[in-house]
Amino acid sequence: MEERIVELELRSMAQQQTLDELSDVLYRQQKELDGLRALVDRLSKKVEEPGLVDAKQNDRPPHY
């Protein structure tokens, strides 16, 4: 019976370590995602500013 308890405790410790590692990965990914969202927002605002987009890009090519 004692061996079984020790085995369960070892498994529990291994699972806790795995959960901690997954939590760290998730935290880092969320920080990266937040940073990318902020970058996309800044770039979107930049593109929407008048004069930053070349007006020629909106013209149709001559073959249309």
Protein backbone atom coordinates (compact mmCIF):
# COMPACT_ATOMS: atom_id res chain seq x y z
CA MET A 1 0.00 0.00 0.00
CA GLU A 2 2.83 2.39 0.83
CA GLU A 3 4.44 1.79 -2.58
CA ARG A 4 1.21 2.75 -4.22
CA ILE A 5 1.00 5.99 -2.26
CA VAL A 6 4.59 6.84 -3.16
CA GLU A 7 3.85 6.12 -6.84
CA LEU A 8 0.80 8.38 -6.74
CA GLU A 9 2.78 11.15 -5.08
CA LEU A 10 5.49 10.88 -7.74
CA ARG A 11 2.92 11.05 -10.50
CA SER A 12 1.28 14.04 -8.86
CA MET A 13 4.61 15.84 -8.63
CA ALA A 14 5.37 15.10 -12.29
CA GLN A 15 1.96 16.38 -13.35
CA GLN A 16 2.41 19.54 -11.29
CA GLN A 17 5.77 20.17 -12.95
CA THR A 18 4.20 19.69 -16.38
CA LEU A 19 1.37 22.08 -15.49
CA ASP A 20 3.87 24.68 -14.31
CA GLU A 21 5.83 24.38 -17.57
CA LEU A 22 2.66 24.68 -19.66
CA SER A 23 1.58 27.69 -17.65
CA ASP A 24 4.92 29.40 -18.33
CA VAL A 25 4.63 28.68 -22.06
CA LEU A 26 1.09 30.02 -22.13
CA TYR A 27 2.15 33.18 -20.29
CA ARG A 28 4.99 33.84 -22.76
CA GLN A 29 2.71 33.23 -25.73
CA GLN A 30 0.10 35.61 -24.34
CA LYS A 31 2.73 38.33 -23.89
CA GLU A 32 3.89 37.80 -27.46
CA LEU A 33 0.32 37.88 -28.74
CA ASP A 34 -0.36 41.11 -26.85
CA GLY A 35 2.76 42.65 -28.37
CA LEU A 36 1.74 41.58 -31.87
CA ARG A 37 -1.76 42.98 -31.40
CA ALA A 38 -0.29 46.29 -30.29
CA LEU A 39 1.98 46.32 -33.34
CA VAL A 40 -0.92 45.59 -35.69
CA ASP A 41 -2.93 48.39 -34.08
CA ARG A 42 -0.04 50.86 -34.53
CA LEU A 43 0.49 49.82 -38.14
CA SER A 44 -3.24 50.05 -38.89
CA LYS A 45 -3.35 53.58 -37.52
CA LYS A 46 -0.30 54.52 -39.56
CA VAL A 47 -1.85 53.24 -42.77
CA GLU A 48 -5.06 55.15 -42.07
CA GLU A 49 -3.20 58.47 -41.69
CA PRO A 50 -3.68 60.69 -44.74
CA GLY A 51 -0.69 61.09 -47.01
CA LEU A 52 1.08 57.92 -45.94
CA VAL A 53 -0.37 55.76 -48.67
CA ASP A 54 0.69 56.56 -52.20
CA ALA A 55 -2.35 57.63 -54.21
CA LYS A 56 -0.97 55.83 -57.28
CA GLN A 57 -1.50 52.52 -55.53
CA ASN A 58 -5.25 53.08 -55.66
CA ASP A 59 -5.24 53.81 -59.43
CA ARG A 60 -6.09 51.02 -61.82
CA PRO A 61 -3.32 49.84 -64.10
CA PRO A 62 -3.65 51.02 -67.72
CA HIS A 63 -4.74 47.61 -69.03
CA TYR A 64 -8.06 47.69 -67.12
